Amino acid sequence: MFEIRTDDSGTVFLAGRLDASQTTLADEQLATLSGTARIDLSELDYISSAGIGVLLKTYKRLHDGGGGLALLNLPARILNVFQYAGLDRILDIR
């Protein structure tokens, strides 16, 4: 199961499993972001390469538009995936 929600401050929260079956939903929701966005991954249990692709697409779109993307509170297992792929050198991970 995958859930995406936004709090009053504008922070987007991803929860559950972001895999290929959920990329359309995630892509549609993240496409509404503008400027500098904050995505909290503290409740994300799993992310596939397709899910990473959605986050990279969002990063590129925001970056090209003069904004940015900050990924917050990555669980250790998710952070390890980003580090292994070298994405921690590209993305703003806090």
N, C-alpha and C. Protein backbone atom coordinates (compact mmCIF):
# COMPACT_ATOMS: atom_id res chain seq x y z
N MET A 1 0.84 -1.18 0.00
CA MET A 1 0.00 0.00 0.00
C MET A 1 0.89 1.25 0.00
N PHE A 2 0.44 2.27 -0.67
CA PHE A 2 1.19 3.52 -0.78
C PHE A 2 0.25 4.68 -0.50
N GLU A 3 0.76 5.66 0.22
CA GLU A 3 -0.03 6.85 0.54
C GLU A 3 0.84 8.08 0.33
N ILE A 4 0.22 9.12 -0.17
CA ILE A 4 0.90 10.41 -0.33
C ILE A 4 -0.03 11.48 0.22
N ARG A 5 0.50 12.33 1.08
CA ARG A 5 -0.31 13.40 1.66
C ARG A 5 0.57 14.62 1.89
N THR A 6 -0.08 15.77 2.06
CA THR A 6 0.62 17.03 2.29
C THR A 6 0.07 17.65 3.56
N ASP A 7 0.98 18.16 4.42
CA ASP A 7 0.52 18.81 5.64
C ASP A 7 0.32 20.30 5.41
N ASP A 8 -0.07 21.01 6.45
CA ASP A 8 -0.37 22.45 6.34
C ASP A 8 0.84 23.29 5.94
N SER A 9 2.04 22.80 6.25
CA SER A 9 3.26 23.55 5.91
C SER A 9 3.69 23.32 4.46
N GLY A 10 3.03 22.38 3.78
CA GLY A 10 3.38 22.08 2.40
C GLY A 10 4.33 20.91 2.25
N THR A 11 4.76 20.32 3.37
CA THR A 11 5.62 19.14 3.30
C THR A 11 4.81 17.96 2.80
N VAL A 12 5.37 17.24 1.83
CA VAL A 12 4.73 16.06 1.27
C VAL A 12 5.27 14.84 2.02
N PHE A 13 4.38 13.93 2.40
CA PHE A 13 4.77 12.71 3.09
C PHE A 13 4.46 11.51 2.20
N LEU A 14 5.46 10.65 2.02
CA LEU A 14 5.26 9.40 1.30
C LEU A 14 5.29 8.28 2.31
N ALA A 15 4.33 7.36 2.23
CA ALA A 15 4.25 6.25 3.19
C ALA A 15 3.97 4.95 2.45
N GLY A 16 4.53 3.86 2.98
CA GLY A 16 4.28 2.54 2.41
C GLY A 16 5.32 2.14 1.40
N ARG A 17 4.86 1.59 0.29
CA ARG A 17 5.75 1.06 -0.75
C ARG A 17 5.59 1.86 -2.05
N LEU A 18 6.66 2.53 -2.45
CA LEU A 18 6.64 3.26 -3.73
C LEU A 18 7.35 2.39 -4.76
N ASP A 19 6.55 1.62 -5.48
CA ASP A 19 7.09 0.74 -6.51
C ASP A 19 6.43 1.07 -7.84
N ALA A 20 6.70 0.27 -8.84
CA ALA A 20 6.22 0.56 -10.20
C ALA A 20 4.70 0.69 -10.26
N SER A 21 3.99 -0.04 -9.40
CA SER A 21 2.52 0.01 -9.45
C SER A 21 1.97 1.34 -8.90
N GLN A 22 2.81 2.12 -8.23
CA GLN A 22 2.35 3.37 -7.61
C GLN A 22 2.95 4.62 -8.25
N THR A 23 3.78 4.44 -9.27
CA THR A 23 4.48 5.60 -9.83
C THR A 23 3.55 6.59 -10.52
N THR A 24 2.49 6.14 -11.13
CA THR A 24 1.56 7.07 -11.78
C THR A 24 0.93 7.99 -10.75
N LEU A 25 0.45 7.43 -9.65
CA LEU A 25 -0.14 8.23 -8.59
C LEU A 25 0.88 9.22 -8.02
N ALA A 26 2.08 8.73 -7.72
CA ALA A 26 3.11 9.60 -7.15
C ALA A 26 3.49 10.70 -8.14
N ASP A 27 3.66 10.33 -9.40
CA ASP A 27 4.05 11.30 -10.42
C ASP A 27 2.99 12.39 -10.57
N GLU A 28 1.73 12.01 -10.58
CA GLU A 28 0.65 12.99 -10.71
C GLU A 28 0.63 13.95 -9.53
N GLN A 29 0.80 13.43 -8.33
CA GLN A 29 0.78 14.28 -7.13
C GLN A 29 2.01 15.18 -7.06
N LEU A 30 3.18 14.63 -7.35
CA LEU A 30 4.41 15.42 -7.25
C LEU A 30 4.53 16.44 -8.38
N ALA A 31 3.81 16.22 -9.47
CA ALA A 31 3.81 17.18 -10.59
C ALA A 31 3.17 18.50 -10.20
N THR A 32 2.42 18.51 -9.12
CA THR A 32 1.77 19.76 -8.68
C THR A 32 2.71 20.64 -7.85
N LEU A 33 3.86 20.11 -7.46
CA LEU A 33 4.80 20.87 -6.64
C LEU A 33 5.51 21.93 -7.48
N SER A 34 5.84 23.03 -6.83
CA SER A 34 6.59 24.09 -7.51
C SER A 34 7.54 24.73 -6.50
N GLY A 35 8.47 25.51 -7.02
CA GLY A 35 9.43 26.18 -6.14
C GLY A 35 10.36 25.18 -5.50
N THR A 36 10.53 25.32 -4.20
CA THR A 36 11.34 24.37 -3.44
C THR A 36 10.41 23.50 -2.63
N ALA A 37 10.49 22.21 -2.83
CA ALA A 37 9.58 21.26 -2.19
C ALA A 37 10.33 20.43 -1.15
N ARG A 38 9.58 19.98 -0.15
CA ARG A 38 10.11 19.12 0.90
C ARG A 38 9.29 17.83 0.90
N ILE A 39 9.99 16.70 0.79
CA ILE A 39 9.32 15.40 0.82
C ILE A 39 9.89 14.59 1.98
N ASP A 40 9.01 14.22 2.89
CA ASP A 40 9.40 13.43 4.06
C ASP A 40 9.20 11.95 3.75
N LEU A 41 10.26 11.17 3.91
CA LEU A 41 10.21 9.75 3.59
C LEU A 41 10.22 8.87 4.84
N SER A 42 9.98 9.45 6.01
CA SER A 42 10.10 8.71 7.27
C SER A 42 9.15 7.51 7.35
N GLU A 43 8.05 7.54 6.63
CA GLU A 43 7.09 6.45 6.66
C GLU A 43 7.16 5.56 5.43
N LEU A 44 8.19 5.75 4.61
CA LEU A 44 8.35 4.94 3.41
C LEU A 44 9.06 3.63 3.78
N ASP A 45 8.43 2.51 3.45
CA ASP A 45 8.99 1.20 3.78
C ASP A 45 9.89 0.66 2.68
N TYR A 46 9.59 1.04 1.44
CA TYR A 46 10.30 0.47 0.30
C TYR A 46 10.22 1.45 -0.87
N ILE A 47 11.30 1.52 -1.64
CA ILE A 47 11.28 2.30 -2.88
C ILE A 47 12.01 1.50 -3.96
N SER A 48 11.37 1.36 -5.09
CA SER A 48 11.97 0.64 -6.23
C SER A 48 12.70 1.64 -7.11
N SER A 49 13.36 1.12 -8.13
CA SER A 49 14.04 2.00 -9.08
C SER A 49 13.02 2.90 -9.78
N ALA A 50 11.82 2.40 -10.00
CA ALA A 50 10.77 3.22 -10.62
C ALA A 50 10.38 4.37 -9.70
N GLY A 51 10.31 4.10 -8.40
CA GLY A 51 10.00 5.14 -7.43
C GLY A 51 11.10 6.18 -7.36
N ILE A 52 12.34 5.72 -7.39
CA ILE A 52 13.47 6.65 -7.41
C ILE A 52 13.39 7.52 -8.66
N GLY A 53 13.00 6.91 -9.77
CA GLY A 53 12.85 7.66 -11.01
C GLY A 53 11.85 8.80 -10.89
N VAL A 54 10.76 8.58 -10.17
CA VAL A 54 9.75 9.63 -9.95
C VAL A 54 10.37 10.78 -9.15
N LEU A 55 11.12 10.46 -8.11
CA LEU A 55 11.76 11.51 -7.31
C LEU A 55 12.80 12.27 -8.12
N LEU A 56 13.56 11.57 -8.95
CA LEU A 56 14.55 12.24 -9.79
C LEU A 56 13.88 13.14 -10.83
N LYS A 57 12.79 12.67 -11.40
CA LYS A 57 12.04 13.48 -12.37
C LYS A 57 11.53 14.76 -11.69
N THR A 58 11.04 14.63 -10.47
CA THR A 58 10.54 15.78 -9.71
C THR A 58 11.69 16.73 -9.40
N TYR A 59 12.82 16.19 -8.97
CA TYR A 59 14.00 17.01 -8.69
C TYR A 59 14.40 17.80 -9.94
N LYS A 60 14.51 17.13 -11.07
CA LYS A 60 14.96 17.79 -12.30
C LYS A 60 14.00 18.90 -12.72
N ARG A 61 12.71 18.62 -12.64
CA ARG A 61 11.71 19.63 -13.02
C ARG A 61 11.80 20.86 -12.12
N LEU A 62 11.89 20.63 -10.81
CA LEU A 62 11.97 21.75 -9.87
C LEU A 62 13.29 22.50 -10.03
N HIS A 63 14.38 21.76 -10.16
CA HIS A 63 15.70 22.37 -10.31
C HIS A 63 15.78 23.21 -11.59
N ASP A 64 15.28 22.67 -12.68
CA ASP A 64 15.29 23.40 -13.95
C ASP A 64 14.44 24.66 -13.90
N GLY A 65 13.44 24.67 -13.01
CA GLY A 65 12.58 25.84 -12.84
C GLY A 65 13.09 26.81 -11.80
N GLY A 66 14.31 26.59 -11.29
CA GLY A 66 14.90 27.50 -10.32
C GLY A 66 14.59 27.16 -8.87
N GLY A 67 13.92 26.05 -8.65
CA GLY A 67 13.58 25.63 -7.29
C GLY A 67 14.50 24.54 -6.80
N GLY A 68 13.97 23.71 -5.95
CA GLY A 68 14.77 22.62 -5.42
C GLY A 68 13.89 21.57 -4.78
N LEU A 69 14.54 20.52 -4.32
CA LEU A 69 13.86 19.41 -3.68
C LEU A 69 14.69 18.93 -2.51
N ALA A 70 14.10 18.87 -1.33
CA ALA A 70 14.76 18.34 -0.15
C ALA A 70 14.05 17.06 0.27
N LEU A 71 14.81 16.00 0.45
CA LEU A 71 14.27 14.74 0.95
C LEU A 71 14.60 14.65 2.42
N LEU A 72 13.58 14.44 3.24
CA LEU A 72 13.72 14.49 4.69
C LEU A 72 13.50 13.13 5.34
N ASN A 73 14.22 12.89 6.43
CA ASN A 73 13.96 11.76 7.34
C ASN A 73 13.93 10.41 6.65
N LEU A 74 14.93 10.14 5.82
CA LEU A 74 14.98 8.85 5.15
C LEU A 74 15.31 7.74 6.16
N PRO A 75 14.52 6.66 6.18
CA PRO A 75 14.89 5.52 7.01
C PRO A 75 16.24 4.97 6.53
N ALA A 76 16.98 4.34 7.43
CA ALA A 76 18.34 3.87 7.11
C ALA A 76 18.37 2.99 5.86
N ARG A 77 17.41 2.09 5.71
CA ARG A 77 17.43 1.18 4.55
C ARG A 77 17.20 1.94 3.25
N ILE A 78 16.40 3.00 3.28
CA ILE A 78 16.15 3.80 2.08
C ILE A 78 17.37 4.69 1.81
N LEU A 79 17.93 5.27 2.86
CA LEU A 79 19.14 6.09 2.71
C LEU A 79 20.26 5.26 2.11
N ASN A 80 20.40 4.02 2.52
CA ASN A 80 21.44 3.15 1.96
C ASN A 80 21.29 2.97 0.46
N VAL A 81 20.07 2.84 -0.01
CA VAL A 81 19.82 2.70 -1.45
C VAL A 81 20.27 3.96 -2.18
N PHE A 82 19.92 5.13 -1.64
CA PHE A 82 20.31 6.39 -2.26
C PHE A 82 21.83 6.57 -2.25
N GLN A 83 22.48 6.18 -1.16
CA GLN A 83 23.93 6.29 -1.07
C GLN A 83 24.61 5.32 -2.03
N TYR A 84 24.12 4.11 -2.09
CA TYR A 84 24.69 3.11 -2.99
C TYR A 84 24.61 3.56 -4.45
N ALA A 85 23.53 4.22 -4.80
CA ALA A 85 23.34 4.72 -6.17
C ALA A 85 24.05 6.05 -6.41
N GLY A 86 24.64 6.63 -5.35
CA GLY A 86 25.33 7.91 -5.50
C GLY A 86 24.40 9.11 -5.53
N LEU A 87 23.14 8.90 -5.22
CA LEU A 87 22.17 9.99 -5.30
C LEU A 87 22.30 10.97 -4.13
N ASP A 88 22.98 10.55 -3.08
CA ASP A 88 23.20 11.45 -1.95
C ASP A 88 24.15 12.59 -2.32
N ARG A 89 24.87 12.43 -3.43
CA ARG A 89 25.77 13.49 -3.90
C ARG A 89 25.05 14.48 -4.83
N ILE A 90 23.86 14.11 -5.26
CA ILE A 90 23.08 14.94 -6.18
C ILE A 90 21.92 15.61 -5.46
N LEU A 91 21.20 14.82 -4.69
CA LEU A 91 19.99 15.29 -4.02
C LEU A 91 20.29 15.89 -2.66
N ASP A 92 19.43 16.79 -2.24
CA ASP A 92 19.51 17.40 -0.90
C ASP A 92 18.79 16.47 0.07
N ILE A 93 19.58 15.65 0.78
CA ILE A 93 19.03 14.68 1.72
C ILE A 93 19.33 15.17 3.12
N ARG A 94 18.27 15.36 3.90
CA ARG A 94 18.43 15.87 5.27
C ARG A 94 17.92 14.88 6.29
